[in-house]
Amino acid sequence: MHHNGILLGKRHFLHATSPVVEVEGWTFAIAPGCKLIAGGSANPLQTLISIYREGEKVAQLNLHHRRCDSDITVQAVSSDMALEITPATKRVCVEMKM
């Protein structure tokens, strides 16, 4: 996973505050002051991704894994956040709206 990976029971979690984080082949560029927590799903074909700002969850995404590829689904996003998803390059940008 990443050098900030945490193992709780049988589940791995990734906790990152850096501006660029890689999760399962996808690159996440997150806004300053935000942190990303990934993992925790009981389903090995999914990775849950939560983005927090000042202790409040501002976005939740879900990576669905297949044999050769993966897709991302946005489950929730705060109205003061903007997401830009580029599937071709597997990049997600999370920014604050002005």
N, C-alpha and C. Protein backbone atom coordinates (compact mmCIF):
# COMPACT_ATOMS: atom_id res chain seq x y z
N MET A 1 0.82 -1.19 0.00
CA MET A 1 0.00 0.00 0.00
C MET A 1 0.86 1.25 0.00
N HIS A 2 1.12 1.81 1.13
CA HIS A 2 1.81 3.07 1.25
C HIS A 2 2.57 3.03 2.57
N HIS A 3 3.51 3.91 2.79
CA HIS A 3 4.26 3.86 4.05
C HIS A 3 3.41 4.27 5.25
N ASN A 4 2.24 4.85 5.05
CA ASN A 4 1.33 5.19 6.14
C ASN A 4 0.20 4.18 6.28
N GLY A 5 0.40 2.98 5.76
CA GLY A 5 -0.64 1.96 5.86
C GLY A 5 -0.80 1.49 7.28
N ILE A 6 -2.03 1.22 7.68
CA ILE A 6 -2.34 0.76 9.02
C ILE A 6 -3.10 -0.55 8.89
N LEU A 7 -2.73 -1.55 9.67
CA LEU A 7 -3.43 -2.83 9.65
C LEU A 7 -4.25 -2.94 10.92
N LEU A 8 -5.57 -3.02 10.77
CA LEU A 8 -6.48 -3.21 11.89
C LEU A 8 -7.23 -4.50 11.65
N GLY A 9 -6.93 -5.51 12.44
CA GLY A 9 -7.54 -6.82 12.20
C GLY A 9 -7.07 -7.35 10.87
N LYS A 10 -7.99 -7.66 9.99
CA LYS A 10 -7.64 -8.18 8.66
C LYS A 10 -7.76 -7.12 7.58
N ARG A 11 -8.01 -5.88 7.98
CA ARG A 11 -8.22 -4.82 6.99
C ARG A 11 -7.08 -3.81 7.02
N HIS A 12 -6.68 -3.40 5.84
CA HIS A 12 -5.63 -2.39 5.69
C HIS A 12 -6.28 -1.03 5.45
N PHE A 13 -5.70 0.00 6.06
CA PHE A 13 -6.14 1.37 5.85
C PHE A 13 -4.93 2.19 5.44
N LEU A 14 -5.15 3.14 4.59
CA LEU A 14 -4.11 4.09 4.19
C LEU A 14 -4.54 5.45 4.70
N HIS A 15 -3.68 6.09 5.46
CA HIS A 15 -3.96 7.44 5.98
C HIS A 15 -2.90 8.36 5.38
N ALA A 16 -3.32 9.37 4.62
CA ALA A 16 -2.35 10.24 3.96
C ALA A 16 -2.81 11.70 4.03
N THR A 17 -1.85 12.58 4.29
CA THR A 17 -2.11 14.02 4.28
C THR A 17 -1.30 14.74 3.21
N SER A 18 -0.51 13.99 2.45
CA SER A 18 0.29 14.62 1.41
C SER A 18 -0.61 15.06 0.26
N PRO A 19 -0.18 16.04 -0.54
CA PRO A 19 -1.03 16.57 -1.60
C PRO A 19 -1.28 15.60 -2.75
N VAL A 20 -0.41 14.63 -2.95
CA VAL A 20 -0.59 13.64 -4.01
C VAL A 20 -0.45 12.24 -3.39
N VAL A 21 -1.48 11.42 -3.59
CA VAL A 21 -1.52 10.08 -2.99
C VAL A 21 -1.91 9.09 -4.08
N GLU A 22 -1.24 7.93 -4.10
CA GLU A 22 -1.61 6.88 -5.04
C GLU A 22 -2.30 5.76 -4.29
N VAL A 23 -3.48 5.37 -4.80
CA VAL A 23 -4.27 4.30 -4.21
C VAL A 23 -4.69 3.35 -5.33
N GLU A 24 -4.22 2.12 -5.27
CA GLU A 24 -4.62 1.07 -6.22
C GLU A 24 -4.52 1.51 -7.68
N GLY A 25 -3.44 2.21 -8.03
CA GLY A 25 -3.23 2.64 -9.41
C GLY A 25 -3.85 3.97 -9.78
N TRP A 26 -4.64 4.57 -8.89
CA TRP A 26 -5.25 5.88 -9.12
C TRP A 26 -4.45 6.92 -8.36
N THR A 27 -4.28 8.10 -8.95
CA THR A 27 -3.57 9.20 -8.31
C THR A 27 -4.58 10.23 -7.84
N PHE A 28 -4.49 10.59 -6.57
CA PHE A 28 -5.38 11.57 -5.97
C PHE A 28 -4.58 12.82 -5.62
N ALA A 29 -4.99 13.95 -6.16
CA ALA A 29 -4.40 15.25 -5.81
C ALA A 29 -5.43 15.92 -4.90
N ILE A 30 -5.09 16.03 -3.62
CA ILE A 30 -6.06 16.55 -2.67
C ILE A 30 -5.69 17.97 -2.24
N ALA A 31 -6.72 18.74 -1.93
CA ALA A 31 -6.54 20.14 -1.55
C ALA A 31 -5.76 20.23 -0.25
N PRO A 32 -5.02 21.33 -0.06
CA PRO A 32 -4.30 21.53 1.19
C PRO A 32 -5.27 21.52 2.38
N GLY A 33 -4.84 20.90 3.47
CA GLY A 33 -5.68 20.82 4.65
C GLY A 33 -6.60 19.62 4.67
N CYS A 34 -6.59 18.83 3.59
CA CYS A 34 -7.43 17.64 3.52
C CYS A 34 -6.57 16.41 3.77
N LYS A 35 -7.22 15.34 4.24
CA LYS A 35 -6.54 14.07 4.38
C LYS A 35 -7.38 12.98 3.75
N LEU A 36 -6.73 11.92 3.33
CA LEU A 36 -7.38 10.83 2.64
C LEU A 36 -7.21 9.57 3.47
N ILE A 37 -8.30 8.83 3.63
CA ILE A 37 -8.26 7.52 4.29
C ILE A 37 -8.87 6.54 3.31
N ALA A 38 -8.13 5.49 2.98
CA ALA A 38 -8.58 4.50 2.01
C ALA A 38 -8.52 3.12 2.62
N GLY A 39 -9.44 2.26 2.19
CA GLY A 39 -9.45 0.88 2.65
C GLY A 39 -10.61 0.62 3.58
N GLY A 40 -10.58 -0.52 4.21
CA GLY A 40 -11.57 -0.84 5.21
C GLY A 40 -12.77 -1.61 4.70
N SER A 41 -12.87 -1.82 3.41
CA SER A 41 -14.01 -2.55 2.88
C SER A 41 -13.84 -4.05 3.14
N ALA A 42 -14.92 -4.71 3.51
CA ALA A 42 -14.87 -6.15 3.70
C ALA A 42 -14.84 -6.87 2.35
N ASN A 43 -15.19 -6.17 1.29
CA ASN A 43 -15.19 -6.73 -0.05
C ASN A 43 -13.83 -6.48 -0.70
N PRO A 44 -13.08 -7.52 -1.07
CA PRO A 44 -11.76 -7.31 -1.67
C PRO A 44 -11.80 -6.70 -3.07
N LEU A 45 -12.99 -6.63 -3.68
CA LEU A 45 -13.12 -6.05 -5.01
C LEU A 45 -13.43 -4.56 -4.95
N GLN A 46 -13.47 -3.98 -3.75
CA GLN A 46 -13.76 -2.56 -3.59
C GLN A 46 -12.77 -1.93 -2.61
N THR A 47 -12.47 -0.67 -2.83
CA THR A 47 -11.68 0.12 -1.89
C THR A 47 -12.45 1.39 -1.62
N LEU A 48 -12.82 1.61 -0.37
CA LEU A 48 -13.50 2.83 0.02
C LEU A 48 -12.48 3.93 0.22
N ILE A 49 -12.80 5.14 -0.26
CA ILE A 49 -11.90 6.28 -0.12
C ILE A 49 -12.70 7.42 0.49
N SER A 50 -12.25 7.90 1.63
CA SER A 50 -12.90 9.02 2.30
C SER A 50 -11.92 10.18 2.38
N ILE A 51 -12.42 11.38 2.13
CA ILE A 51 -11.59 12.58 2.20
C ILE A 51 -12.17 13.49 3.28
N TYR A 52 -11.30 13.91 4.20
CA TYR A 52 -11.71 14.71 5.34
C TYR A 52 -11.05 16.09 5.30
N ARG A 53 -11.76 17.07 5.81
CA ARG A 53 -11.21 18.42 5.97
C ARG A 53 -11.66 18.91 7.33
N GLU A 54 -10.71 19.25 8.18
CA GLU A 54 -10.96 19.71 9.54
C GLU A 54 -11.88 18.75 10.30
N GLY A 55 -11.62 17.45 10.18
CA GLY A 55 -12.37 16.45 10.90
C GLY A 55 -13.73 16.11 10.34
N GLU A 56 -14.14 16.74 9.25
CA GLU A 56 -15.45 16.50 8.64
C GLU A 56 -15.25 15.79 7.30
N LYS A 57 -16.03 14.73 7.06
CA LYS A 57 -15.93 14.03 5.79
C LYS A 57 -16.52 14.90 4.69
N VAL A 58 -15.73 15.18 3.64
CA VAL A 58 -16.19 16.05 2.55
C VAL A 58 -16.41 15.28 1.25
N ALA A 59 -15.93 14.05 1.18
CA ALA A 59 -16.15 13.25 -0.03
C ALA A 59 -15.96 11.77 0.30
N GLN A 60 -16.73 10.94 -0.39
CA GLN A 60 -16.55 9.50 -0.29
C GLN A 60 -16.64 8.91 -1.68
N LEU A 61 -15.63 8.12 -2.03
CA LEU A 61 -15.57 7.48 -3.34
C LEU A 61 -15.37 5.99 -3.14
N ASN A 62 -15.61 5.23 -4.20
CA ASN A 62 -15.47 3.79 -4.13
C ASN A 62 -14.76 3.31 -5.39
N LEU A 63 -13.64 2.62 -5.22
CA LEU A 63 -12.94 2.01 -6.35
C LEU A 63 -13.44 0.58 -6.51
N HIS A 64 -13.88 0.22 -7.70
CA HIS A 64 -14.32 -1.14 -8.01
C HIS A 64 -13.23 -1.79 -8.84
N HIS A 65 -12.71 -2.91 -8.37
CA HIS A 65 -11.61 -3.59 -9.05
C HIS A 65 -12.13 -4.74 -9.91
N ARG A 66 -11.56 -4.84 -11.10
CA ARG A 66 -11.80 -5.97 -11.99
C ARG A 66 -10.44 -6.58 -12.32
N ARG A 67 -10.42 -7.59 -13.13
CA ARG A 67 -9.16 -8.27 -13.43
C ARG A 67 -8.10 -7.33 -13.99
N CYS A 68 -8.46 -6.54 -14.98
CA CYS A 68 -7.47 -5.73 -15.68
C CYS A 68 -7.60 -4.23 -15.40
N ASP A 69 -8.68 -3.81 -14.79
CA ASP A 69 -8.93 -2.38 -14.67
C ASP A 69 -9.72 -2.09 -13.40
N SER A 70 -10.00 -0.84 -13.18
CA SER A 70 -10.84 -0.43 -12.05
C SER A 70 -11.60 0.83 -12.44
N ASP A 71 -12.77 1.03 -11.82
CA ASP A 71 -13.52 2.27 -12.03
C ASP A 71 -13.76 2.91 -10.68
N ILE A 72 -14.11 4.16 -10.74
CA ILE A 72 -14.35 4.92 -9.52
C ILE A 72 -15.78 5.44 -9.53
N THR A 73 -16.41 5.40 -8.38
CA THR A 73 -17.77 5.90 -8.22
C THR A 73 -17.76 6.93 -7.10
N VAL A 74 -18.40 8.06 -7.36
CA VAL A 74 -18.53 9.09 -6.32
C VAL A 74 -19.81 8.78 -5.56
N GLN A 75 -19.69 8.53 -4.27
CA GLN A 75 -20.86 8.24 -3.45
C GLN A 75 -21.42 9.50 -2.80
N ALA A 76 -20.54 10.41 -2.42
CA ALA A 76 -20.98 11.67 -1.80
C ALA A 76 -19.86 12.69 -1.91
N VAL A 77 -20.27 13.96 -2.05
CA VAL A 77 -19.29 15.05 -2.07
C VAL A 77 -19.96 16.29 -1.49
N SER A 78 -19.21 17.02 -0.69
CA SER A 78 -19.71 18.24 -0.08
C SER A 78 -19.89 19.32 -1.14
N SER A 79 -20.85 20.22 -0.90
CA SER A 79 -21.12 21.27 -1.88
C SER A 79 -19.99 22.29 -1.99
N ASP A 80 -19.09 22.35 -1.02
CA ASP A 80 -17.98 23.30 -1.12
C ASP A 80 -16.70 22.67 -1.68
N MET A 81 -16.82 21.43 -2.19
CA MET A 81 -15.68 20.75 -2.80
C MET A 81 -15.96 20.52 -4.28
N ALA A 82 -14.90 20.47 -5.07
CA ALA A 82 -15.01 20.18 -6.50
C ALA A 82 -14.13 18.96 -6.80
N LEU A 83 -14.69 18.00 -7.53
CA LEU A 83 -13.95 16.82 -7.94
C LEU A 83 -13.77 16.84 -9.45
N GLU A 84 -12.58 16.54 -9.90
CA GLU A 84 -12.31 16.38 -11.33
C GLU A 84 -11.72 15.00 -11.50
N ILE A 85 -12.43 14.15 -12.22
CA ILE A 85 -12.01 12.76 -12.41
C ILE A 85 -11.64 12.56 -13.87
N THR A 86 -10.42 12.06 -14.10
CA THR A 86 -9.94 11.78 -15.44
C THR A 86 -9.66 10.28 -15.53
N PRO A 87 -10.63 9.50 -16.03
CA PRO A 87 -10.46 8.04 -16.06
C PRO A 87 -9.29 7.56 -16.93
N ALA A 88 -9.02 8.26 -18.02
CA ALA A 88 -7.96 7.82 -18.93
C ALA A 88 -6.60 7.78 -18.25
N THR A 89 -6.34 8.74 -17.38
CA THR A 89 -5.06 8.78 -16.67
C THR A 89 -5.18 8.31 -15.22
N LYS A 90 -6.39 7.89 -14.83
CA LYS A 90 -6.67 7.44 -13.47
C LYS A 90 -6.24 8.49 -12.45
N ARG A 91 -6.76 9.71 -12.62
CA ARG A 91 -6.41 10.83 -11.76
C ARG A 91 -7.67 11.48 -11.21
N VAL A 92 -7.65 11.80 -9.92
CA VAL A 92 -8.75 12.48 -9.26
C VAL A 92 -8.19 13.71 -8.56
N CYS A 93 -8.74 14.88 -8.88
CA CYS A 93 -8.34 16.13 -8.23
C CYS A 93 -9.46 16.59 -7.32
N VAL A 94 -9.14 16.86 -6.08
CA VAL A 94 -10.11 17.34 -5.09
C VAL A 94 -9.70 18.73 -4.70
N GLU A 95 -10.58 19.73 -4.96
CA GLU A 95 -10.25 21.13 -4.68
C GLU A 95 -11.40 21.80 -3.96
N MET A 96 -11.09 22.87 -3.27
CA MET A 96 -12.11 23.70 -2.63
C MET A 96 -12.69 24.61 -3.69
N LYS A 97 -14.02 24.81 -3.65
CA LYS A 97 -14.64 25.76 -4.55
C LYS A 97 -14.37 27.17 -4.06
N MET A 98 -14.27 28.09 -4.97
CA MET A 98 -14.02 29.49 -4.60
C MET A 98 -15.32 30.19 -4.29
